[in-house]
Amino acid sequence: MKVGLYFGSFNPIHNGHLIVASHMVNYGGVERVWFVVSPQNPFKDSKSLLNEHHRKFLVDLAVEGDVRFKCSNVEFRLPRPSYTINTLVHLEEEYPGHEFSVIIGSDSFQNIKNWRNSGVLLKNYTFLIYKRPGFEIPESMLSERIYIIEAPLLQISGTYIRKLIKERKSIRYLVPDVVNEQIISQQFYF
């Protein structure tokens, strides 16, 4: 099975994530997308993160009922901080019949040279890149394992959503209704 791994903090998951994932199944050559919830990204400050189990719970709610999507907590069981190369090696051992690709925004891909074992990643794995406004991928970074997928461009971010929550403003239509309901009832990010 061809699986696109969509790594992220998902702090919180929002409709932009889901639209990109759906687009990858429709046009990116993958059969499924696994949302890999990262408990600790080496490039992000973990102080602003909601507890990893709460973030996973919200992703589970968001993808429930859509057979194309799955939430994975594989990085919860791996050493921290989470490095993509370690997760990929672990998943390949656990699922030898699967072919994994990395789904990534053009903003994050521009930083790929700073990732642990970036040369190995770029040589051995397929990257499905969706454009983010203001972050073009130079021709020099493209190869036969790097695909630009023209996904809808959305200006939604977890930072923006958390700001709205702190200001007691509505996040309806930015996140799935079930995620909105849980954020309110559990007082996440308040």
Protein backbone atom coordinates (compact mmCIF):
# COMPACT_ATOMS: atom_id res chain seq x y z
CA MET A 1 0.00 0.00 0.00
CA LYS A 2 1.22 3.50 -0.82
CA VAL A 3 1.00 5.65 2.30
CA GLY A 4 1.66 9.38 2.57
CA LEU A 5 3.01 10.30 5.98
CA TYR A 6 1.83 13.73 7.03
CA PHE A 7 4.05 14.69 9.97
CA GLY A 8 3.09 17.53 12.25
CA SER A 9 2.37 18.89 15.66
CA PHE A 10 -1.30 19.32 14.67
CA ASN A 11 -1.64 21.97 17.37
CA PRO A 12 -4.57 21.77 16.61
CA ILE A 13 -5.49 19.87 13.46
CA HIS A 14 -7.47 22.12 11.13
CA ASN A 15 -9.34 21.98 7.84
CA GLY A 16 -6.24 23.03 5.92
CA HIS A 17 -4.50 19.82 7.02
CA LEU A 18 -7.51 17.74 5.99
CA ILE A 19 -7.83 19.43 2.60
CA VAL A 20 -4.13 18.82 1.85
CA ALA A 21 -4.45 15.17 2.93
CA SER A 22 -7.52 14.65 0.76
CA HIS A 23 -5.77 16.29 -2.18
CA MET A 24 -2.77 13.97 -1.73
CA VAL A 25 -5.00 10.90 -1.94
CA ASN A 26 -6.76 12.35 -4.98
CA TYR A 27 -3.68 13.61 -6.86
CA GLY A 28 -0.49 12.61 -5.01
CA GLY A 29 -0.34 8.93 -5.90
CA VAL A 30 -0.98 7.63 -2.37
CA GLU A 31 -3.83 5.40 -1.25
CA ARG A 32 -3.85 6.51 2.37
CA VAL A 33 -2.58 9.38 4.49
CA TRP A 34 -1.35 8.76 8.01
CA PHE A 35 -1.28 11.82 10.24
CA VAL A 36 1.87 11.30 12.34
CA VAL A 37 1.45 13.36 15.50
CA SER A 38 4.89 14.57 16.58
CA PRO A 39 5.23 14.86 20.34
CA GLN A 40 8.36 17.02 20.05
CA ASN A 41 9.54 18.61 16.83
CA PRO A 42 13.26 19.50 17.08
CA PHE A 43 12.59 22.83 15.32
CA LYS A 44 9.65 24.00 17.44
CA ASP A 45 9.28 25.28 20.98
CA SER A 46 7.28 22.65 22.84
CA LYS A 47 5.96 25.14 25.41
CA SER A 48 3.05 26.15 23.16
CA LEU A 49 2.06 22.54 22.44
CA LEU A 50 -1.10 21.02 23.82
CA ASN A 51 -0.40 17.65 25.46
CA GLU A 52 0.46 15.10 22.75
CA HIS A 53 -2.36 12.74 23.77
CA HIS A 54 -4.90 15.55 23.51
CA ARG A 55 -3.56 16.51 20.06
CA LYS A 56 -3.78 12.88 18.94
CA PHE A 57 -7.34 12.70 20.29
CA LEU A 58 -8.32 15.73 18.20
CA VAL A 59 -6.73 14.19 15.08
CA ASP A 60 -8.57 10.92 15.75
CA LEU A 61 -11.84 12.84 15.93
CA ALA A 62 -11.07 14.77 12.75
CA VAL A 63 -10.31 11.68 10.64
CA GLU A 64 -12.89 9.32 12.15
CA GLY A 65 -15.03 7.68 9.49
CA ASP A 66 -12.72 8.51 6.57
CA VAL A 67 -11.04 5.25 5.52
CA ARG A 68 -8.40 7.19 3.57
CA PHE A 69 -6.97 8.66 6.76
CA LYS A 70 -5.38 7.29 9.92
CA CYS A 71 -3.85 8.93 12.97
CA SER A 72 -0.51 7.52 14.11
CA ASN A 73 1.18 7.93 17.47
CA VAL A 74 4.29 6.01 16.36
CA GLU A 75 6.56 8.86 17.46
CA PHE A 76 5.20 8.63 21.02
CA ARG A 77 7.15 5.36 21.33
CA LEU A 78 10.39 6.62 19.75
CA PRO A 79 13.22 8.70 21.26
CA ARG A 80 12.67 12.43 21.47
CA PRO A 81 12.91 14.81 19.82
CA SER A 82 11.23 13.19 16.83
CA TYR A 83 13.37 12.81 13.72
CA THR A 84 11.69 11.90 10.44
CA ILE A 85 14.46 9.47 9.45
CA ASN A 86 14.00 7.45 12.66
CA THR A 87 10.25 7.27 12.17
CA LEU A 88 10.56 6.19 8.54
CA VAL A 89 13.04 3.42 9.38
CA HIS A 90 10.80 2.22 12.23
CA LEU A 91 7.67 2.21 10.03
CA GLU A 92 9.44 0.36 7.22
CA GLU A 93 10.41 -2.37 9.68
CA GLU A 94 6.89 -2.52 11.11
CA TYR A 95 5.11 -2.41 7.72
CA PRO A 96 7.43 -4.03 5.14
CA GLY A 97 4.66 -4.20 2.51
CA HIS A 98 4.02 -0.46 2.54
CA GLU A 99 5.66 2.23 0.44
CA PHE A 100 5.99 5.48 2.39
CA SER A 101 6.15 9.05 1.08
CA VAL A 102 6.57 12.22 3.11
CA ILE A 103 3.92 14.93 2.74
CA ILE A 104 5.41 18.32 3.47
CA GLY A 105 4.73 22.01 2.88
CA SER A 106 7.13 24.01 0.73
CA ASP A 107 7.96 26.14 3.80
CA SER A 108 9.24 23.13 5.73
CA PHE A 109 10.92 21.60 2.69
CA GLN A 110 13.10 24.68 2.29
CA ASN A 111 14.60 23.73 5.66
CA ILE A 112 15.26 20.07 4.69
CA LYS A 113 19.05 20.48 4.62
CA ASN A 114 18.92 21.08 8.40
CA TRP A 115 17.09 17.81 9.09
CA ARG A 116 18.92 14.86 10.57
CA ASN A 117 20.25 12.63 7.75
CA SER A 118 18.71 14.88 5.10
CA GLY A 119 20.88 13.34 2.38
CA VAL A 120 19.56 9.87 3.16
CA LEU A 121 16.00 11.17 3.25
CA LEU A 122 16.30 12.91 -0.11
CA LYS A 123 18.01 9.93 -1.73
CA ASN A 124 15.72 7.17 -0.44
CA TYR A 125 12.28 8.66 0.07
CA THR A 126 9.63 10.33 -2.03
CA PHE A 127 8.50 13.81 -0.99
CA LEU A 128 5.06 15.12 -1.91
CA ILE A 129 5.31 18.89 -1.52
CA TYR A 130 2.33 21.20 -1.35
CA LYS A 131 2.99 24.87 -1.92
CA ARG A 132 2.69 27.39 0.87
CA PRO A 133 2.31 31.06 -0.05
CA GLY A 134 5.69 32.78 -0.24
CA PHE A 135 7.74 29.56 -0.23
CA GLU A 136 8.69 28.52 -3.74
CA ILE A 137 10.86 25.46 -4.30
CA PRO A 138 13.90 26.32 -6.42
CA GLU A 139 14.56 24.10 -9.45
CA SER A 140 17.91 23.12 -7.90
CA MET A 141 16.06 21.28 -5.10
CA LEU A 142 13.93 19.13 -7.41
CA SER A 143 14.74 15.51 -8.26
CA GLU A 144 12.98 12.35 -9.44
CA ARG A 145 11.80 11.66 -5.87
CA ILE A 146 10.41 15.13 -5.21
CA TYR A 147 6.97 16.01 -6.51
CA ILE A 148 5.21 19.35 -6.32
CA ILE A 149 1.49 18.69 -5.83
CA GLU A 150 -0.71 21.67 -6.65
CA ALA A 151 -2.95 21.61 -3.59
CA PRO A 152 -5.36 24.42 -2.69
CA LEU A 153 -3.54 27.29 -0.97
CA LEU A 154 -5.02 28.11 2.42
CA GLN A 155 -3.84 30.67 4.95
CA ILE A 156 -4.86 28.64 8.01
CA SER A 157 -2.38 27.87 10.76
CA GLY A 158 -2.41 26.44 14.25
CA THR A 159 -0.87 29.69 15.49
CA TYR A 160 -3.78 31.69 14.06
CA ILE A 161 -6.34 29.28 15.52
CA ARG A 162 -4.72 29.37 18.98
CA LYS A 163 -4.72 33.18 18.81
CA LEU A 164 -8.44 33.21 18.04
CA ILE A 165 -9.15 30.83 20.93
CA LYS A 166 -7.18 32.99 23.38
CA GLU A 167 -9.18 36.00 22.17
CA ARG A 168 -12.42 34.03 22.70
CA LYS A 169 -13.28 34.24 19.00
CA SER A 170 -14.91 31.56 16.87
CA ILE A 171 -12.81 28.95 15.09
CA ARG A 172 -15.84 27.40 13.43
CA TYR A 173 -15.18 26.53 9.77
CA LEU A 174 -11.41 26.51 10.43
CA VAL A 175 -11.49 23.15 12.21
CA PRO A 176 -13.93 20.22 11.92
CA ASP A 177 -17.04 20.76 14.05
CA VAL A 178 -16.19 17.82 16.31
CA VAL A 179 -12.72 19.29 16.97
CA ASN A 180 -14.23 22.71 17.71
CA GLU A 181 -16.67 21.13 20.18
CA GLN A 182 -13.86 19.30 22.02
CA ILE A 183 -11.62 22.36 22.17
CA ILE A 184 -14.46 24.32 23.75
CA SER A 185 -15.68 21.59 26.12
CA GLN A 186 -12.16 20.64 27.26
CA GLN A 187 -10.98 24.28 27.36
CA PHE A 188 -7.95 23.43 25.19
CA TYR A 189 -5.73 26.43 24.41
CA PHE A 190 -7.71 28.80 26.67
